Structure formats: C-alpha cells, structure tokens
Amino acid sequence: LALKFLYQGGQTEIVGVDIAQVGSS
C-alpha cells in the first residue's frame, strides 16, 4: 500500500506514519 498525503496544513512536517485496522492496536 502506497499513500500520498495532500493538503497538509500548519507549519509542520510529517516524519513518521503508522497504520492499523480500525479498532486494532
């Protein structure tokens, strides 16, 4: 799975991403 992030507001940087099934830890 490849995701592209769009419309990132503020004045920040995304430097880490985790993914999980909804409801899962």
PDB file of all heavy atoms in Angstrom:
ATOM      1  N   LEU A   1       0.845  -1.189   0.000  1.00  0.00           N
ATOM      2  CA  LEU A   1       0.000   0.000   0.000  1.00  0.00           C
ATOM      3  C   LEU A   1       0.879   1.237   0.000  1.00  0.00           C
ATOM      4  O   LEU A   1       1.790   1.369   0.821  1.00  0.00           O
ATOM      5  CB  LEU A   1      -0.901   0.014   1.241  1.00  0.00           C
ATOM      6  CG  LEU A   1      -1.742   1.272   1.485  1.00  0.00           C
ATOM      7  CD1 LEU A   1      -2.743   1.478   0.347  1.00  0.00           C
ATOM      8  CD2 LEU A   1      -2.465   1.175   2.827  1.00  0.00           C
ATOM      9  N   ALA A   2       0.626   2.152  -0.939  1.00  0.00           N
ATOM     10  CA  ALA A   2       1.348   3.425  -1.017  1.00  0.00           C
ATOM     11  C   ALA A   2       0.344   4.560  -0.915  1.00  0.00           C
ATOM     12  O   ALA A   2      -0.661   4.581  -1.642  1.00  0.00           O
ATOM     13  CB  ALA A   2       2.137   3.522  -2.328  1.00  0.00           C
ATOM     14  N   LEU A   3       0.607   5.495  -0.005  1.00  0.00           N
ATOM     15  CA  LEU A   3      -0.285   6.626   0.240  1.00  0.00           C
ATOM     16  C   LEU A   3       0.449   7.934   0.027  1.00  0.00           C
ATOM     17  O   LEU A   3       1.605   8.078   0.429  1.00  0.00           O
ATOM     18  CB  LEU A   3      -0.812   6.593   1.683  1.00  0.00           C
ATOM     19  CG  LEU A   3      -1.630   5.393   2.106  1.00  0.00           C
ATOM     20  CD1 LEU A   3      -1.995   5.520   3.587  1.00  0.00           C
ATOM     21  CD2 LEU A   3      -2.892   5.248   1.255  1.00  0.00           C
ATOM     22  N   LYS A   4      -0.253   8.887  -0.581  1.00  0.00           N
ATOM     23  CA  LYS A   4       0.284  10.236  -0.747  1.00  0.00           C
ATOM     24  C   LYS A   4      -0.532  11.188   0.110  1.00  0.00           C
ATOM     25  O   LYS A   4      -1.758  11.171   0.076  1.00  0.00           O
ATOM     26  CB  LYS A   4       0.222  10.645  -2.212  1.00  0.00           C
ATOM     27  CG  LYS A   4       0.683  12.074  -2.492  1.00  0.00           C
ATOM     28  CD  LYS A   4       0.999  12.256  -3.959  1.00  0.00           C
ATOM     29  CE  LYS A   4      -0.143  11.928  -4.858  1.00  0.00           C
ATOM     30  NZ  LYS A   4       0.218  11.828  -6.269  1.00  0.00           N
ATOM     31  N   PHE A   5       0.153  12.038   0.885  1.00  0.00           N
ATOM     32  CA  PHE A   5      -0.523  12.990   1.759  1.00  0.00           C
ATOM     33  C   PHE A   5      -0.705  14.325   1.038  1.00  0.00           C
ATOM     34  O   PHE A   5       0.238  14.871   0.461  1.00  0.00           O
ATOM     35  CB  PHE A   5       0.267  13.181   3.050  1.00  0.00           C
ATOM     36  CG  PHE A   5       0.176  11.998   3.975  1.00  0.00           C
ATOM     37  CD1 PHE A   5       1.082  10.955   3.885  1.00  0.00           C
ATOM     38  CD2 PHE A   5      -0.834  11.912   4.917  1.00  0.00           C
ATOM     39  CE1 PHE A   5       0.996   9.848   4.721  1.00  0.00           C
ATOM     40  CE2 PHE A   5      -0.939  10.814   5.767  1.00  0.00           C
ATOM     41  CZ  PHE A   5      -0.023   9.780   5.668  1.00  0.00           C
ATOM     42  N   LEU A   6      -1.925  14.848   1.124  1.00  0.00           N
ATOM     43  CA  LEU A   6      -2.283  16.100   0.455  1.00  0.00           C
ATOM     44  C   LEU A   6      -2.904  17.072   1.460  1.00  0.00           C
ATOM     45  O   LEU A   6      -3.490  16.654   2.455  1.00  0.00           O
ATOM     46  CB  LEU A   6      -3.294  15.838  -0.662  1.00  0.00           C
ATOM     47  CG  LEU A   6      -2.904  14.821  -1.741  1.00  0.00           C
ATOM     48  CD1 LEU A   6      -4.116  14.475  -2.595  1.00  0.00           C
ATOM     49  CD2 LEU A   6      -1.780  15.360  -2.612  1.00  0.00           C
ATOM     50  N   TYR A   7      -2.793  18.358   1.158  1.00  0.00           N
ATOM     51  CA  TYR A   7      -3.442  19.421   1.929  1.00  0.00           C
ATOM     52  C   TYR A   7      -3.014  19.417   3.400  1.00  0.00           C
ATOM     53  O   TYR A   7      -3.840  19.540   4.304  1.00  0.00           O
ATOM     54  CB  TYR A   7      -4.972  19.317   1.819  1.00  0.00           C
ATOM     55  CG  TYR A   7      -5.464  19.162   0.411  1.00  0.00           C
ATOM     56  CD1 TYR A   7      -6.252  18.079   0.043  1.00  0.00           C
ATOM     57  CD2 TYR A   7      -5.125  20.093  -0.567  1.00  0.00           C
ATOM     58  CE1 TYR A   7      -6.696  17.928  -1.264  1.00  0.00           C
ATOM     59  CE2 TYR A   7      -5.568  19.946  -1.881  1.00  0.00           C
ATOM     60  CZ  TYR A   7      -6.352  18.862  -2.221  1.00  0.00           C
ATOM     61  OH  TYR A   7      -6.782  18.706  -3.518  1.00  0.00           O
ATOM     62  N   GLN A   8      -1.715  19.273   3.630  1.00  0.00           N
ATOM     63  CA  GLN A   8      -1.195  19.310   4.999  1.00  0.00           C
ATOM     64  C   GLN A   8      -1.122  20.750   5.475  1.00  0.00           C
ATOM     65  O   GLN A   8      -0.368  21.559   4.941  1.00  0.00           O
ATOM     66  CB  GLN A   8       0.181  18.659   5.066  1.00  0.00           C
ATOM     67  CG  GLN A   8       0.782  18.654   6.468  1.00  0.00           C
ATOM     68  CD  GLN A   8       2.165  18.060   6.499  1.00  0.00           C
ATOM     69  OE1 GLN A   8       2.561  17.338   5.563  1.00  0.00           O
ATOM     70  NE2 GLN A   8       2.921  18.334   7.546  1.00  0.00           N
ATOM     71  N   GLY A   9      -1.904  21.087   6.485  1.00  0.00           N
ATOM     72  CA  GLY A   9      -1.951  22.443   6.982  1.00  0.00           C
ATOM     73  C   GLY A   9      -0.859  22.739   7.988  1.00  0.00           C
ATOM     74  O   GLY A   9      -0.002  21.909   8.285  1.00  0.00           O
ATOM     75  N   GLY A  10      -0.894  23.949   8.521  1.00  0.00           N
ATOM     76  CA  GLY A  10       0.057  24.341   9.554  1.00  0.00           C
ATOM     77  C   GLY A  10       1.459  24.562   9.016  1.00  0.00           C
ATOM     78  O   GLY A  10       1.678  24.754   7.828  1.00  0.00           O
ATOM     79  N   GLN A  11       2.390  24.486   9.924  1.00  0.00           N
ATOM     80  CA  GLN A  11       3.805  24.737   9.604  1.00  0.00           C
ATOM     81  C   GLN A  11       4.617  23.618  10.241  1.00  0.00           C
ATOM     82  O   GLN A  11       5.377  23.813  11.167  1.00  0.00           O
ATOM     83  CB  GLN A  11       4.210  26.105  10.169  1.00  0.00           C
ATOM     84  CG  GLN A  11       5.588  26.571   9.746  1.00  0.00           C
ATOM     85  CD  GLN A  11       5.869  27.983  10.223  1.00  0.00           C
ATOM     86  OE1 GLN A  11       4.960  28.793  10.319  1.00  0.00           O
ATOM     87  NE2 GLN A  11       7.115  28.268  10.543  1.00  0.00           N
ATOM     88  N   THR A  12       4.392  22.426   9.726  1.00  0.00           N
ATOM     89  CA  THR A  12       4.929  21.219  10.353  1.00  0.00           C
ATOM     90  C   THR A  12       5.440  20.252   9.294  1.00  0.00           C
ATOM     91  O   THR A  12       5.285  20.478   8.094  1.00  0.00           O
ATOM     92  CB  THR A  12       3.841  20.512  11.175  1.00  0.00           C
ATOM     93  OG1 THR A  12       2.762  20.164  10.303  1.00  0.00           O
ATOM     94  CG2 THR A  12       3.322  21.394  12.297  1.00  0.00           C
ATOM     95  N   GLU A  13       5.995  19.128   9.768  1.00  0.00           N
ATOM     96  CA  GLU A  13       6.456  18.067   8.887  1.00  0.00           C
ATOM     97  C   GLU A  13       5.983  16.729   9.412  1.00  0.00           C
ATOM     98  O   GLU A  13       6.069  16.472  10.613  1.00  0.00           O
ATOM     99  CB  GLU A  13       7.989  18.086   8.799  1.00  0.00           C
ATOM    100  CG  GLU A  13       8.525  19.348   8.152  1.00  0.00           C
ATOM    101  CD  GLU A  13       9.980  19.605   8.491  1.00  0.00           C
ATOM    102  OE1 GLU A  13      10.635  18.694   9.026  1.00  0.00           O
ATOM    103  OE2 GLU A  13      10.449  20.728   8.241  1.00  0.00           O
ATOM    104  N   ILE A  14       5.458  15.894   8.521  1.00  0.00           N
ATOM    105  CA  ILE A  14       5.140  14.511   8.889  1.00  0.00           C
ATOM    106  C   ILE A  14       6.426  13.705   8.798  1.00  0.00           C
ATOM    107  O   ILE A  14       7.022  13.598   7.726  1.00  0.00           O
ATOM    108  CB  ILE A  14       4.068  13.925   7.952  1.00  0.00           C
ATOM    109  CG1 ILE A  14       2.754  14.691   8.089  1.00  0.00           C
ATOM    110  CG2 ILE A  14       3.845  12.446   8.247  1.00  0.00           C
ATOM    111  CD1 ILE A  14       1.692  14.275   7.086  1.00  0.00           C
ATOM    112  N   VAL A  15       6.859  13.155   9.914  1.00  0.00           N
ATOM    113  CA  VAL A  15       8.136  12.437   9.922  1.00  0.00           C
ATOM    114  C   VAL A  15       7.983  10.967  10.322  1.00  0.00           C
ATOM    115  O   VAL A  15       8.964  10.238  10.387  1.00  0.00           O
ATOM    116  CB  VAL A  15       9.152  13.132  10.858  1.00  0.00           C
ATOM    117  CG1 VAL A  15       9.543  14.494  10.300  1.00  0.00           C
ATOM    118  CG2 VAL A  15       8.597  13.286  12.271  1.00  0.00           C
ATOM    119  N   GLY A  16       6.767  10.532  10.586  1.00  0.00           N
ATOM    120  CA  GLY A  16       6.520   9.130  10.900  1.00  0.00           C
ATOM    121  C   GLY A  16       5.064   8.794  10.664  1.00  0.00           C
ATOM    122  O   GLY A  16       4.181   9.616  10.915  1.00  0.00           O
ATOM    123  N   VAL A  17       4.799   7.587  10.147  1.00  0.00           N
ATOM    124  CA  VAL A  17       3.425   7.147   9.884  1.00  0.00           C
ATOM    125  C   VAL A  17       3.282   5.692  10.311  1.00  0.00           C
ATOM    126  O   VAL A  17       4.115   4.849   9.961  1.00  0.00           O
ATOM    127  CB  VAL A  17       3.063   7.276   8.383  1.00  0.00           C
ATOM    128  CG1 VAL A  17       1.624   6.796   8.140  1.00  0.00           C
ATOM    129  CG2 VAL A  17       3.243   8.709   7.900  1.00  0.00           C
ATOM    130  N   ASP A  18       2.212   5.394  11.072  1.00  0.00           N
ATOM    131  CA  ASP A  18       1.823   4.035  11.417  1.00  0.00           C
ATOM    132  C   ASP A  18       0.444   3.768  10.842  1.00  0.00           C
ATOM    133  O   ASP A  18      -0.365   4.686  10.684  1.00  0.00           O
ATOM    134  CB  ASP A  18       1.764   3.863  12.933  1.00  0.00           C
ATOM    135  CG  ASP A  18       3.044   3.275  13.507  1.00  0.00           C
ATOM    136  OD1 ASP A  18       4.032   3.185  12.757  1.00  0.00           O
ATOM    137  OD2 ASP A  18       3.058   2.922  14.701  1.00  0.00           O
ATOM    138  N   ILE A  19       0.142   2.500  10.580  1.00  0.00           N
ATOM    139  CA  ILE A  19      -1.147   2.121  10.027  1.00  0.00           C
ATOM    140  C   ILE A  19      -1.661   0.876  10.733  1.00  0.00           C
ATOM    141  O   ILE A  19      -0.871   0.009  11.137  1.00  0.00           O
ATOM    142  CB  ILE A  19      -1.042   1.895   8.498  1.00  0.00           C
ATOM    143  CG1 ILE A  19      -2.422   1.747   7.873  1.00  0.00           C
ATOM    144  CG2 ILE A  19      -0.140   0.695   8.173  1.00  0.00           C
ATOM    145  CD1 ILE A  19      -2.412   1.829   6.348  1.00  0.00           C
ATOM    146  N   ALA A  20      -2.965   0.800  10.935  1.00  0.00           N
ATOM    147  CA  ALA A  20      -3.575  -0.368  11.577  1.00  0.00           C
ATOM    148  C   ALA A  20      -5.025  -0.467  11.132  1.00  0.00           C
ATOM    149  O   ALA A  20      -5.627   0.506  10.661  1.00  0.00           O
ATOM    150  CB  ALA A  20      -3.502  -0.254  13.102  1.00  0.00           C
ATOM    151  N   GLN A  21      -5.585  -1.649  11.292  1.00  0.00           N
ATOM    152  CA  GLN A  21      -7.015  -1.819  11.062  1.00  0.00           C
ATOM    153  C   GLN A  21      -7.775  -1.025  12.111  1.00  0.00           C
ATOM    154  O   GLN A  21      -7.339  -0.918  13.270  1.00  0.00           O
ATOM    155  CB  GLN A  21      -7.377  -3.300  11.143  1.00  0.00           C
ATOM    156  CG  GLN A  21      -8.790  -3.617  10.713  1.00  0.00           C
ATOM    157  CD  GLN A  21      -9.081  -5.114  10.772  1.00  0.00           C
ATOM    158  OE1 GLN A  21      -9.554  -5.619  11.788  1.00  0.00           O
ATOM    159  NE2 GLN A  21      -8.781  -5.816   9.676  1.00  0.00           N
ATOM    160  N   VAL A  22      -8.887  -0.429  11.723  1.00  0.00           N
ATOM    161  CA  VAL A  22      -9.698   0.325  12.675  1.00  0.00           C
ATOM    162  C   VAL A  22     -10.099  -0.585  13.837  1.00  0.00           C
ATOM    163  O   VAL A  22     -10.555  -1.707  13.638  1.00  0.00           O
ATOM    164  CB  VAL A  22     -10.963   0.891  11.985  1.00  0.00           C
ATOM    165  CG1 VAL A  22     -11.928   1.482  13.015  1.00  0.00           C
ATOM    166  CG2 VAL A  22     -10.570   1.948  10.963  1.00  0.00           C
ATOM    167  N   GLY A  23      -9.869  -0.103  15.054  1.00  0.00           N
ATOM    168  CA  GLY A  23     -10.189  -0.871  16.253  1.00  0.00           C
ATOM    169  C   GLY A  23      -9.067  -1.753  16.745  1.00  0.00           C
ATOM    170  O   GLY A  23      -9.149  -2.313  17.846  1.00  0.00           O
ATOM    171  N   SER A  24      -7.991  -1.880  15.967  1.00  0.00           N
ATOM    172  CA  SER A  24      -6.864  -2.730  16.346  1.00  0.00           C
ATOM    173  C   SER A  24      -5.751  -1.894  16.970  1.00  0.00           C
ATOM    174  O   SER A  24      -5.573  -0.724  16.636  1.00  0.00           O
ATOM    175  CB  SER A  24      -6.314  -3.470  15.120  1.00  0.00           C
ATOM    176  OG  SER A  24      -5.117  -4.143  15.431  1.00  0.00           O
ATOM    177  N   SER A  25      -4.983  -2.500  17.870  1.00  0.00           N
ATOM    178  CA  SER A  25      -3.805  -1.853  18.443  1.00  0.00           C
ATOM    179  C   SER A  25      -2.520  -2.445  17.870  1.00  0.00           C
ATOM    180  O   SER A  25      -1.427  -2.197  18.376  1.00  0.00           O
ATOM    181  CB  SER A  25      -3.807  -2.004  19.972  1.00  0.00           C
ATOM    182  OG  SER A  25      -3.814  -3.385  20.336  1.00  0.00           O
TER     183      SER A  25
END
